[in-house]
C-alpha atoms as a PDB file:
ATOM      1  CA  UNK A   1      -3.035  -2.045  23.462  1.00  0.00           C
ATOM      2  CA  UNK A   2      -4.129  -3.083  19.929  1.00  0.00           C
ATOM      3  CA  UNK A   3      -2.830  -6.262  18.352  1.00  0.00           C
ATOM      4  CA  UNK A   4       0.000  -5.590  15.901  1.00  0.00           C
ATOM      5  CA  UNK A   5       0.577  -7.457  12.647  1.00  0.00           C
ATOM      6  CA  UNK A   6       3.524  -7.468  10.258  1.00  0.00           C
ATOM      7  CA  UNK A   7       3.470  -7.441   6.486  1.00  0.00           C
ATOM      8  CA  UNK A   8       5.961  -6.569   3.747  1.00  0.00           C
ATOM      9  CA  UNK A   9       5.741  -3.420   1.644  1.00  0.00           C
ATOM     10  CA  UNK A  10       8.157  -3.483  -1.295  1.00  0.00           C
ATOM     11  CA  UNK A  11      10.272  -6.051   0.554  1.00  0.00           C
ATOM     12  CA  UNK A  12      10.447  -4.119   3.844  1.00  0.00           C
ATOM     13  CA  UNK A  13       8.696  -5.355   6.977  1.00  0.00           C
ATOM     14  CA  UNK A  14       6.070  -2.963   8.356  1.00  0.00           C
ATOM     15  CA  UNK A  15       4.148  -3.425  11.605  1.00  0.00           C
ATOM     16  CA  UNK A  16       0.686  -1.879  11.950  1.00  0.00           C
ATOM     17  CA  UNK A  17      -2.329  -2.281  14.252  1.00  0.00           C
ATOM     18  CA  UNK A  18      -4.710  -5.081  13.232  1.00  0.00           C
ATOM     19  CA  UNK A  19      -7.555  -3.636  11.164  1.00  0.00           C
ATOM     20  CA  UNK A  20      -5.341  -1.141   9.313  1.00  0.00           C
ATOM     21  CA  UNK A  21      -5.737  -0.822   5.572  1.00  0.00           C
ATOM     22  CA  UNK A  22      -2.884  -1.509   3.187  1.00  0.00           C
ATOM     23  CA  UNK A  23      -2.708   2.195   2.297  1.00  0.00           C
ATOM     24  CA  UNK A  24      -2.182   2.987   6.004  1.00  0.00           C
ATOM     25  CA  UNK A  25       0.688   0.481   6.075  1.00  0.00           C
ATOM     26  CA  UNK A  26       2.141   2.130   2.967  1.00  0.00           C
ATOM     27  CA  UNK A  27       1.971   5.488   4.768  1.00  0.00           C
ATOM     28  CA  UNK A  28       3.913   3.967   7.697  1.00  0.00           C
ATOM     29  CA  UNK A  29       6.452   2.544   5.240  1.00  0.00           C
ATOM     30  CA  UNK A  30       6.916   5.869   3.423  1.00  0.00           C
ATOM     31  CA  UNK A  31       6.956   8.033   6.583  1.00  0.00           C
ATOM     32  CA  UNK A  32       3.468   9.441   5.982  1.00  0.00           C
ATOM     33  CA  UNK A  33       3.534  10.057   2.238  1.00  0.00           C
ATOM     34  CA  UNK A  34       1.202   7.176   1.183  1.00  0.00           C
ATOM     35  CA  UNK A  35       2.563   7.407  -2.357  1.00  0.00           C
ATOM     36  CA  UNK A  36       1.505   4.383  -4.366  1.00  0.00           C
ATOM     37  CA  UNK A  37       2.234   5.143  -8.028  1.00  0.00           C
ATOM     38  CA  UNK A  38       3.299   7.595 -10.728  1.00  0.00           C
ATOM     39  CA  UNK A  39       1.009   9.311 -13.205  1.00  0.00           C
ATOM     40  CA  UNK A  40       1.634   8.917 -16.935  1.00  0.00           C
ATOM     41  CA  UNK A  41       3.662  12.142 -16.758  1.00  0.00           C
ATOM     42  CA  UNK A  42       5.800  10.786 -13.888  1.00  0.00           C
ATOM     43  CA  UNK A  43       4.190  12.705 -11.020  1.00  0.00           C
ATOM     44  CA  UNK A  44       3.908  10.890  -7.690  1.00  0.00           C
ATOM     45  CA  UNK A  45       0.335   9.856  -6.890  1.00  0.00           C
ATOM     46  CA  UNK A  46      -1.476   8.642  -3.803  1.00  0.00           C
ATOM     47  CA  UNK A  47      -5.033   7.738  -2.914  1.00  0.00           C
ATOM     48  CA  UNK A  48      -7.492  10.566  -3.411  1.00  0.00           C
ATOM     49  CA  UNK A  49     -10.889   9.272  -2.406  1.00  0.00           C
ATOM     50  CA  UNK A  50     -10.341   6.567   0.224  1.00  0.00           C
ATOM     51  CA  UNK A  51     -13.493   4.853  -1.094  1.00  0.00           C
ATOM     52  CA  UNK A  52     -12.109   2.732  -3.936  1.00  0.00           C
ATOM     53  CA  UNK A  53     -13.398   5.082  -6.637  1.00  0.00           C
ATOM     54  CA  UNK A  54     -10.251   6.830  -7.895  1.00  0.00           C
ATOM     55  CA  UNK A  55      -8.074   3.684  -8.202  1.00  0.00           C
ATOM     56  CA  UNK A  56      -4.924   5.720  -7.488  1.00  0.00           C
ATOM     57  CA  UNK A  57      -4.030   3.279  -4.698  1.00  0.00           C
ATOM     58  CA  UNK A  58      -3.701   0.141  -6.856  1.00  0.00           C
ATOM     59  CA  UNK A  59      -0.961  -2.229  -5.712  1.00  0.00           C
ATOM     60  CA  UNK A  60      -0.033  -5.889  -6.104  1.00  0.00           C
ATOM     61  CA  UNK A  61      -0.994  -7.937  -3.046  1.00  0.00           C
ATOM     62  CA  UNK A  62       0.272 -11.505  -2.710  1.00  0.00           C
ATOM     63  CA  UNK A  63       0.844 -11.618  -6.466  1.00  0.00           C
ATOM     64  CA  UNK A  64      -2.588 -10.239  -7.438  1.00  0.00           C
ATOM     65  CA  UNK A  65      -2.236  -7.001  -9.401  1.00  0.00           C
ATOM     66  CA  UNK A  66      -4.545  -3.973  -9.285  1.00  0.00           C
ATOM     67  CA  UNK A  67      -5.786  -4.419  -5.705  1.00  0.00           C
ATOM     68  CA  UNK A  68      -7.156  -1.294  -4.002  1.00  0.00           C
ATOM     69  CA  UNK A  69      -4.932  -0.499  -1.020  1.00  0.00           C
ATOM     70  CA  UNK A  70      -7.506   1.841   0.554  1.00  0.00           C
ATOM     71  CA  UNK A  71     -10.116  -0.928   0.697  1.00  0.00           C
ATOM     72  CA  UNK A  72      -7.936  -3.910   1.650  1.00  0.00           C
ATOM     73  CA  UNK A  73      -7.309  -4.738   5.323  1.00  0.00           C
ATOM     74  CA  UNK A  74      -3.784  -5.815   6.217  1.00  0.00           C
ATOM     75  CA  UNK A  75      -3.182  -9.479   6.995  1.00  0.00           C
ATOM     76  CA  UNK A  76      -0.171 -11.024   8.733  1.00  0.00           C
ATOM     77  CA  UNK A  77       2.537 -11.964   6.251  1.00  0.00           C
ATOM     78  CA  UNK A  78       0.896 -10.111   3.354  1.00  0.00           C
ATOM     79  CA  UNK A  79       3.300  -9.193   0.524  1.00  0.00           C
ATOM     80  CA  UNK A  80       2.559  -5.793  -1.058  1.00  0.00           C
ATOM     81  CA  UNK A  81       4.350  -4.365  -4.100  1.00  0.00           C
ATOM     82  CA  UNK A  82       3.724  -0.807  -5.162  1.00  0.00           C
ATOM     83  CA  UNK A  83       4.230   0.339  -8.750  1.00  0.00           C
ATOM     84  CA  UNK A  84       7.003   2.593  -7.423  1.00  0.00           C
ATOM     85  CA  UNK A  85       9.025  -0.462  -6.388  1.00  0.00           C
ATOM     86  CA  UNK A  86       8.278  -2.108  -9.701  1.00  0.00           C
ATOM     87  CA  UNK A  87       9.548   1.051 -11.480  1.00  0.00           C
ATOM     88  CA  UNK A  88      12.821   0.808  -9.528  1.00  0.00           C
ATOM     89  CA  UNK A  89      13.373  -2.857 -10.434  1.00  0.00           C
END
């Protein structure tokens, strides 16, 4: 059985297998949607490329803005804020 780690996505605890990316944890948190932001017209957006090229997956990780969720491995205790949560605040 893989080791599990916990991190917070928009203030909610999420548990994922070690080695998961932040965007995978976001998908767990949002029941599979992996929505990370809104477009300038308000449409929901998620990662498109999975390679760090499109930048649609940018989130704030441990206070550092504009981190690529598709390229960042989860770490225990990590604090992730998506722009969607920031919009709601």
